[in-house]
Amino acid sequence: MYYLLTLDFPPPYNLGEKVLAGNIAKVLSDISRNDFTVLCRMNRRIKYNSVFIQGSGNEYFDSVRIAMRLRKLCKNDSAIVHLIGISYSVAIPILRAFKHAGLKLVIYYYMLEHYYYLRGLRRLLKSYYAPKFCSRLADAVVATSPLIAERLTMLGLNHVHYVPPPIDCEVFKPIDRFESLRRLSNRFSIDPRKLEGALVILYMGHVTPMRFPYVTVLKVLRQVIRDGFSAQLLIFTPSFRYNEMHAVKIRSIAESIDLEKHVSIFVRNVDQSEKPFVYNLADLFLFPALEPSAIDPPLTVLEAMACGKPVLASNVQSIPQIIKNGVNGFLVQSVNQLNEILTKLRKSHHLDYIGGNARKTILRNFSFDKVRESFILLCQL
């Protein structure tokens, strides 16, 4: 019997850890042949066997309540419990209780410790000490990238296993742009005439300056267009207040430098069923983050590559281990190099070839079939 214990489970698909939890649930459900249950806060759109609690708005309190429900539910001491997205502050007592009951425990790490360094001493201490305590109680520690696995091993953690985040390559695949526009027309006002003959650049994610340095990106886009290059920038960002605030700034800057006809921004949660069509609007996917601030590796990068789209990404997180510059995507050391790459792309006719290589990379390393093998080995430990 497999259990997935998590705080929030999609939909909506507006946070990377929720998407990751959903993808892991698909693989575990397949392995267990439906002998699988998800425990989380209330979400009636879950298609698996589920146990819910009514959310209180306090993630620590809710995490404990979810764990207590599992403890009452689980009568089988051979069950395997997968914990993902549970706060460090409550993970240790939860693990102790489960370990005492004889359950096998798997805990996931999907963010680099840089994320904590940038947010104060308290989180730094948690990022250093909590994994060490958790690993002593867990039967397996899963890292979603080799880089995270290496860092956890350096911290002295035992039984660390690298399991890549699974990507559904039957869902995320190349789709005709006309079909994509048709499928998105009910929710998004996208003028197909603007996309004709233009290099369509897509960004999907939060639009905070460290994640999406829009001032630099818009200046680069202006320079490229001034040089006679036809380009359109599409931005899709989740519906959070801080994204709405930055979206206003992006529109204002675009208007001030005569880019309003070349930039379209949509502040709306994109459903998982819509995401493949959004990716397939683009010729190029952009990931210009200035710091590690997403799941490693970033799921949007993997999904775009699965759709056969070349990714132009900054040299952060484990992206350089996935993207080989000029082979299956493009890497820049700094955002200021975007202009250089886009200028080269203007003269390049190999985007389709590079996009094909990108999809092959995902099929070979991140597909459900590939990741399923890793989970089967993990569950035999």
Protein backbone atom coordinates (compact mmCIF):
# COMPACT_ATOMS: atom_id res chain seq x y z
CA MET A 1 0.00 0.00 0.00
CA TYR A 2 1.28 3.43 -0.96
CA TYR A 3 0.31 6.74 0.62
CA LEU A 4 1.18 10.22 -0.59
CA LEU A 5 1.07 12.74 2.23
CA THR A 6 1.11 16.33 1.01
CA LEU A 7 -0.34 19.66 2.03
CA ASP A 8 -1.88 20.82 -1.24
CA PHE A 9 -2.68 18.76 -4.29
CA PRO A 10 -3.56 20.18 -7.72
CA PRO A 11 -5.63 21.73 -9.16
CA PRO A 12 -5.10 24.63 -9.60
CA TYR A 13 -1.67 24.05 -11.10
CA ASN A 14 -0.19 27.35 -9.92
CA LEU A 15 2.70 26.08 -7.80
CA GLY A 16 5.51 23.79 -8.91
CA GLU A 17 5.37 21.55 -5.84
CA LYS A 18 1.69 20.84 -6.50
CA VAL A 19 2.45 19.83 -10.09
CA LEU A 20 5.32 17.67 -8.85
CA ALA A 21 3.05 15.98 -6.29
CA GLY A 22 0.46 15.34 -8.99
CA ASN A 23 3.01 13.76 -11.33
CA ILE A 24 4.44 11.57 -8.57
CA ALA A 25 0.91 10.46 -7.69
CA LYS A 26 0.36 9.31 -11.30
CA VAL A 27 3.49 7.17 -11.22
CA LEU A 28 2.78 5.69 -7.77
CA SER A 29 -0.81 4.92 -8.74
CA ASP A 30 0.43 3.08 -11.81
CA ILE A 31 3.01 1.08 -9.84
CA SER A 32 0.60 0.16 -7.05
CA ARG A 33 -2.25 -0.70 -9.43
CA ASN A 34 -4.56 1.67 -7.55
CA ASP A 35 -3.56 0.40 -4.09
CA PHE A 36 -2.77 4.05 -3.43
CA THR A 37 -4.23 6.92 -1.39
CA VAL A 38 -3.58 10.67 -1.33
CA LEU A 39 -3.98 12.60 1.94
CA CYS A 40 -4.19 16.39 1.66
CA ARG A 41 -6.33 19.43 2.27
CA MET A 42 -9.78 19.45 0.71
CA ASN A 43 -9.80 19.16 -3.09
CA ARG A 44 -12.79 17.42 -4.69
CA ARG A 45 -11.20 17.19 -8.14
CA ILE A 46 -8.70 14.48 -7.14
CA LYS A 47 -9.29 11.28 -9.10
CA TYR A 48 -7.38 8.96 -6.75
CA ASN A 49 -8.50 7.34 -3.52
CA SER A 50 -8.32 10.32 -1.19
CA VAL A 51 -8.63 11.36 2.43
CA PHE A 52 -9.17 15.07 3.06
CA ILE A 53 -9.07 17.52 5.91
CA GLN A 54 -10.75 20.91 5.83
CA GLY A 55 -7.95 23.47 5.50
CA SER A 56 -7.55 25.93 8.35
CA GLY A 57 -5.16 28.31 6.57
CA ASN A 58 -2.30 27.29 8.88
CA GLU A 59 0.07 24.95 7.06
CA TYR A 60 1.74 23.66 10.24
CA PHE A 61 -1.55 22.78 11.94
CA ASP A 62 -2.95 21.25 8.75
CA SER A 63 0.18 19.13 8.21
CA VAL A 64 -0.20 17.61 11.68
CA ARG A 65 -3.91 16.93 11.13
CA ILE A 66 -3.20 15.18 7.81
CA ALA A 67 -0.56 13.03 9.51
CA MET A 68 -2.97 12.12 12.32
CA ARG A 69 -5.58 11.04 9.76
CA LEU A 70 -3.03 8.78 8.10
CA ARG A 71 -2.00 7.26 11.42
CA LYS A 72 -5.62 6.30 12.14
CA LEU A 73 -6.16 5.06 8.60
CA CYS A 74 -3.02 2.99 8.16
CA LYS A 75 -3.34 -0.50 9.66
CA ASN A 76 -0.65 -2.07 7.47
CA ASP A 77 2.86 -1.81 8.85
CA SER A 78 4.30 -2.64 5.41
CA ALA A 79 2.83 0.51 3.87
CA ILE A 80 5.12 3.05 2.24
CA VAL A 81 4.43 6.72 2.98
CA HIS A 82 5.73 9.38 0.59
CA LEU A 83 5.96 12.88 2.10
CA ILE A 84 6.21 15.90 -0.19
CA GLY A 85 5.52 19.57 0.45
CA ILE A 86 5.29 19.16 4.24
CA SER A 87 6.94 21.87 6.33
CA TYR A 88 10.31 21.04 7.93
CA SER A 89 8.95 22.28 11.25
CA VAL A 90 6.39 19.48 11.43
CA ALA A 91 8.12 16.81 9.33
CA ILE A 92 10.38 15.57 12.13
CA PRO A 93 7.64 14.76 14.71
CA ILE A 94 5.51 13.25 11.91
CA LEU A 95 8.38 11.02 10.84
CA ARG A 96 9.04 9.94 14.41
CA ALA A 97 5.41 8.89 14.89
CA PHE A 98 5.32 6.98 11.61
CA LYS A 99 8.65 5.30 12.26
CA HIS A 100 7.45 4.16 15.67
CA ALA A 101 4.43 2.58 13.93
CA GLY A 102 6.73 0.61 11.62
CA LEU A 103 5.83 2.42 8.39
CA LYS A 104 8.40 2.87 5.63
CA LEU A 105 9.04 6.54 4.93
CA VAL A 106 10.19 8.37 1.81
CA ILE A 107 10.82 12.11 2.00
CA TYR A 108 11.41 14.40 -0.99
CA TYR A 109 13.79 17.34 -1.47
CA TYR A 110 13.20 19.41 -4.58
CA MET A 111 14.71 22.85 -3.80
CA LEU A 112 18.34 23.89 -3.57
CA GLU A 113 19.52 25.25 -0.23
CA HIS A 114 20.22 28.63 -1.91
CA TYR A 115 16.48 29.20 -1.64
CA TYR A 116 16.82 29.27 2.14
CA TYR A 117 20.08 31.24 2.27
CA LEU A 118 18.36 34.19 0.65
CA ARG A 119 15.58 34.29 3.22
CA GLY A 120 17.25 34.62 6.56
CA LEU A 121 19.02 32.70 9.30
CA ARG A 122 15.96 30.84 10.51
CA ARG A 123 15.40 29.14 7.19
CA LEU A 124 19.12 28.59 6.75
CA LEU A 125 19.23 26.66 10.02
CA LYS A 126 16.21 24.61 8.96
CA SER A 127 17.77 23.87 5.59
CA TYR A 128 20.93 22.58 7.28
CA TYR A 129 19.73 20.75 10.39
CA ALA A 130 16.23 19.56 9.47
CA PRO A 131 17.34 17.37 6.53
CA LYS A 132 19.88 15.64 8.79
CA PHE A 133 17.23 14.83 11.40
CA CYS A 134 14.70 13.79 8.76
CA SER A 135 17.14 11.48 6.99
CA ARG A 136 17.80 9.56 10.22
CA LEU A 137 14.10 8.70 10.42
CA ALA A 138 13.32 8.19 6.73
CA ASP A 139 13.99 4.94 4.90
CA ALA A 140 14.81 6.86 1.75
CA VAL A 141 15.54 10.48 0.84
CA VAL A 142 14.64 11.42 -2.72
CA ALA A 143 16.38 14.28 -4.50
CA THR A 144 14.85 15.51 -7.75
CA SER A 145 18.20 16.49 -9.27
CA PRO A 146 21.79 15.19 -9.07
CA LEU A 147 22.79 18.61 -7.74
CA ILE A 148 20.40 18.35 -4.78
CA ALA A 149 21.53 14.75 -4.17
CA GLU A 150 25.15 15.90 -4.08
CA ARG A 151 24.38 18.74 -1.65
CA LEU A 152 22.38 16.45 0.66
CA THR A 153 25.20 13.90 0.67
CA MET A 154 27.67 16.67 1.55
CA LEU A 155 25.44 17.51 4.54
CA GLY A 156 25.95 13.96 5.75
CA LEU A 157 22.55 12.52 4.80
CA ASN A 158 22.28 8.79 4.26
CA HIS A 159 20.31 6.73 1.71
CA VAL A 160 19.92 9.64 -0.72
CA HIS A 161 18.44 8.60 -4.08
CA TYR A 162 18.17 10.66 -7.24
CA VAL A 163 14.75 10.28 -8.85
CA PRO A 164 14.02 12.79 -11.63
CA PRO A 165 10.66 14.58 -11.63
CA PRO A 166 8.32 12.66 -13.97
CA ILE A 167 6.95 14.41 -17.06
CA ASP A 168 3.94 13.04 -18.92
CA CYS A 169 5.27 12.98 -22.48
CA GLU A 170 1.93 11.75 -23.80
CA VAL A 171 0.40 15.04 -22.66
CA PHE A 172 3.35 17.34 -23.22
CA LYS A 173 4.16 16.79 -26.88
CA PRO A 174 4.38 18.83 -30.10
CA ILE A 175 0.98 20.16 -31.20
CA ASP A 176 0.09 22.31 -34.20
CA ARG A 177 -0.02 26.04 -33.35
CA PHE A 178 -3.38 26.54 -35.08
CA GLU A 179 -4.88 23.76 -32.95
CA SER A 180 -3.31 25.29 -29.83
CA LEU A 181 -4.85 28.68 -30.60
CA ARG A 182 -8.24 27.07 -31.16
CA ARG A 183 -8.12 25.18 -27.85
CA LEU A 184 -7.10 28.29 -25.88
CA SER A 185 -9.48 30.76 -27.55
CA ASN A 186 -12.20 30.46 -24.90
CA ARG A 187 -9.95 31.61 -22.03
CA PHE A 188 -7.19 33.70 -23.60
CA SER A 189 -7.48 36.55 -26.08
CA ILE A 190 -4.53 35.82 -28.35
CA ASP A 191 -4.47 37.51 -31.76
CA PRO A 192 -3.14 34.91 -34.23
CA ARG A 193 -2.18 37.67 -36.67
CA LYS A 194 0.46 38.92 -34.24
CA LEU A 195 2.13 35.51 -34.21
CA GLU A 196 2.34 35.11 -37.98
CA GLY A 197 5.92 35.48 -39.22
CA ALA A 198 7.22 36.38 -35.75
CA LEU A 199 9.56 34.56 -33.41
CA VAL A 200 7.17 33.74 -30.56
CA ILE A 201 8.94 33.77 -27.19
CA LEU A 202 7.08 32.31 -24.23
CA TYR A 203 7.57 32.72 -20.50
CA MET A 204 5.40 30.86 -17.99
CA GLY A 205 5.82 31.36 -14.25
CA HIS A 206 5.99 34.00 -11.57
CA VAL A 207 7.05 37.46 -12.74
CA THR A 208 9.02 38.64 -9.71
CA PRO A 209 12.21 40.44 -10.83
CA MET A 210 14.56 37.69 -9.64
CA ARG A 211 12.54 35.01 -11.41
CA PHE A 212 11.73 37.09 -14.50
CA PRO A 213 13.94 40.21 -14.79
CA TYR A 214 11.44 41.95 -17.00
CA VAL A 215 13.24 45.29 -17.25
CA THR A 216 16.24 43.64 -18.92
CA VAL A 217 14.11 41.25 -20.97
CA LEU A 218 11.99 44.08 -22.38
CA LYS A 219 15.06 46.17 -23.22
CA VAL A 220 16.57 43.23 -25.09
CA LEU A 221 13.31 42.66 -26.95
CA ARG A 222 13.18 46.33 -27.94
CA GLN A 223 16.73 46.19 -29.32
CA VAL A 224 16.03 43.02 -31.28
CA ILE A 225 12.91 44.55 -32.83
CA ARG A 226 14.77 47.77 -33.66
CA ASP A 227 17.27 45.64 -35.53
CA GLY A 228 14.46 44.47 -37.78
CA PHE A 229 13.60 41.21 -36.05
CA SER A 230 9.88 40.37 -35.77
CA ALA A 231 9.18 38.96 -32.29
CA GLN A 232 6.30 38.48 -29.87
CA LEU A 233 6.65 37.88 -26.13
CA LEU A 234 3.85 35.91 -24.43
CA ILE A 235 3.82 35.86 -20.61
CA PHE A 236 1.56 33.56 -18.58
CA THR A 237 1.74 34.04 -14.82
CA PRO A 238 -0.29 32.48 -11.96
CA SER A 239 -3.03 34.50 -10.34
CA PHE A 240 -1.35 35.83 -7.22
CA ARG A 241 -1.43 39.43 -6.00
CA TYR A 242 2.33 39.97 -6.38
CA ASN A 243 2.14 38.74 -9.99
CA GLU A 244 -0.70 41.15 -10.67
CA MET A 245 1.40 44.02 -9.27
CA HIS A 246 4.38 43.15 -11.46
CA ALA A 247 2.12 42.64 -14.49
CA VAL A 248 1.02 46.27 -14.18
CA LYS A 249 4.68 47.34 -14.20
CA ILE A 250 5.45 45.13 -17.21
CA ARG A 251 2.59 46.64 -19.21
CA SER A 252 3.68 50.14 -18.22
CA ILE A 253 7.30 49.57 -19.24
CA ALA A 254 6.25 47.92 -22.52
CA GLU A 255 4.06 50.90 -23.34
CA SER A 256 6.78 53.42 -22.47
CA ILE A 257 9.24 51.83 -24.91
CA ASP A 258 6.70 51.17 -27.69
CA LEU A 259 6.45 47.42 -27.13
CA GLU A 260 2.76 47.18 -26.27
CA LYS A 261 2.05 45.47 -29.63
CA HIS A 262 4.81 42.95 -29.02
CA VAL A 263 4.09 41.92 -25.41
CA SER A 264 1.03 40.06 -24.15
CA ILE A 265 0.68 39.12 -20.47
CA PHE A 266 -1.99 36.90 -18.94
CA VAL A 267 -2.43 36.78 -15.15
CA ARG A 268 -4.42 33.61 -14.80
CA ASN A 269 -3.96 30.07 -13.52
CA VAL A 270 -3.30 27.82 -16.49
CA ASP A 271 -4.87 24.40 -16.07
CA GLN A 272 -2.72 21.35 -16.65
CA SER A 273 -4.87 20.43 -19.66
CA GLU A 274 -4.16 23.87 -21.18
CA LYS A 275 -0.42 23.98 -20.57
CA PRO A 276 0.63 21.83 -23.57
CA PHE A 277 -1.27 24.17 -25.88
CA VAL A 278 0.35 27.22 -24.31
CA TYR A 279 3.84 25.77 -24.82
CA ASN A 280 3.01 24.96 -28.44
CA LEU A 281 2.24 28.59 -29.23
CA ALA A 282 5.95 29.32 -28.92
CA ASP A 283 9.05 28.98 -31.02
CA LEU A 284 11.25 29.48 -27.97
CA PHE A 285 10.70 29.12 -24.21
CA LEU A 286 12.42 31.61 -21.91
CA PHE A 287 13.67 30.89 -18.37
CA PRO A 288 15.82 33.90 -17.34
CA ALA A 289 15.92 33.41 -13.53
CA LEU A 290 18.70 35.24 -11.65
CA GLU A 291 18.67 32.88 -8.66
CA PRO A 292 17.51 29.38 -7.74
CA SER A 293 13.85 29.95 -7.00
CA ALA A 294 12.02 27.00 -8.52
CA ILE A 295 11.84 23.25 -8.18
CA ASP A 296 15.10 21.77 -9.40
CA PRO A 297 15.05 21.13 -12.27
CA PRO A 298 12.32 23.66 -13.16
CA LEU A 299 9.21 21.82 -14.33
CA THR A 300 8.29 24.47 -16.91
CA VAL A 301 11.66 23.95 -18.59
CA LEU A 302 11.12 20.18 -18.73
CA GLU A 303 7.54 20.52 -19.99
CA ALA A 304 8.53 22.98 -22.72
CA MET A 305 11.32 20.65 -23.85
CA ALA A 306 8.87 17.72 -23.90
CA CYS A 307 6.74 19.80 -26.28
CA GLY A 308 9.72 20.07 -28.61
CA LYS A 309 10.52 23.68 -27.77
CA PRO A 310 14.09 24.98 -27.48
CA VAL A 311 14.64 26.60 -24.09
CA LEU A 312 16.75 29.73 -23.60
CA ALA A 313 17.73 29.60 -19.93
CA SER A 314 20.07 31.26 -17.50
CA ASN A 315 22.84 29.18 -15.98
CA VAL A 316 21.11 28.41 -12.66
CA GLN A 317 20.19 25.31 -10.66
CA SER A 318 20.79 22.04 -12.49
CA ILE A 319 19.78 23.42 -15.90
CA PRO A 320 23.35 23.14 -17.30
CA GLN A 321 23.21 19.41 -16.59
CA ILE A 322 20.15 19.10 -18.84
CA ILE A 323 20.60 21.72 -21.56
CA LYS A 324 23.65 21.51 -23.79
CA ASN A 325 24.14 24.91 -25.38
CA GLY A 326 23.29 24.88 -29.07
CA VAL A 327 22.37 21.17 -29.01
CA ASN A 328 19.02 20.85 -27.20
CA GLY A 329 18.63 24.46 -26.02
CA PHE A 330 20.54 27.62 -25.18
CA LEU A 331 22.31 28.76 -22.01
CA VAL A 332 23.34 32.26 -21.00
CA GLN A 333 25.66 33.21 -18.14
CA SER A 334 23.72 36.43 -17.55
CA VAL A 335 20.48 37.95 -18.76
CA ASN A 336 22.45 40.58 -20.68
CA GLN A 337 23.49 37.82 -23.12
CA LEU A 338 19.90 37.35 -24.27
CA ASN A 339 20.43 39.91 -27.01
CA GLU A 340 23.40 37.97 -28.39
CA ILE A 341 21.48 34.68 -28.47
CA LEU A 342 18.34 36.19 -30.01
CA THR A 343 20.44 37.87 -32.69
CA LYS A 344 21.99 34.50 -33.56
CA LEU A 345 18.54 32.92 -33.66
CA ARG A 346 17.47 35.49 -36.21
CA LYS A 347 19.95 33.94 -38.62
CA SER A 348 19.31 30.35 -37.52
CA HIS A 349 17.06 27.82 -39.18
CA HIS A 350 17.73 25.03 -36.70
CA LEU A 351 15.12 25.73 -34.01
CA ASP A 352 13.04 22.71 -35.01
CA TYR A 353 16.12 20.47 -34.92
CA ILE A 354 17.12 21.76 -31.48
CA GLY A 355 13.52 21.38 -30.27
CA GLY A 356 13.56 17.78 -31.48
CA ASN A 357 16.71 17.14 -29.46
CA ALA A 358 15.05 18.76 -26.44
CA ARG A 359 12.14 16.32 -26.60
CA LYS A 360 14.51 13.37 -26.98
CA THR A 361 16.29 14.52 -23.81
CA ILE A 362 13.03 14.44 -21.83
CA LEU A 363 11.92 11.09 -23.27
CA ARG A 364 15.27 9.58 -22.37
CA ASN A 365 15.54 10.95 -18.83
CA PHE A 366 12.21 12.26 -17.46
CA SER A 367 9.36 10.33 -19.08
CA PHE A 368 6.91 8.40 -16.90
CA ASP A 369 8.33 5.10 -18.19
CA LYS A 370 11.87 6.12 -17.23
CA VAL A 371 10.96 7.48 -13.80
CA ARG A 372 8.71 4.49 -13.08
CA GLU A 373 11.82 2.29 -13.16
CA SER A 374 13.47 4.49 -10.51
CA PHE A 375 10.38 4.32 -8.26
CA ILE A 376 10.15 0.54 -8.55
CA LEU A 377 13.78 0.23 -7.44
CA LEU A 378 13.15 2.74 -4.65
CA CYS A 379 10.14 0.83 -3.32
CA GLN A 380 12.17 -2.40 -3.17
CA LEU A 381 14.67 -0.93 -0.69
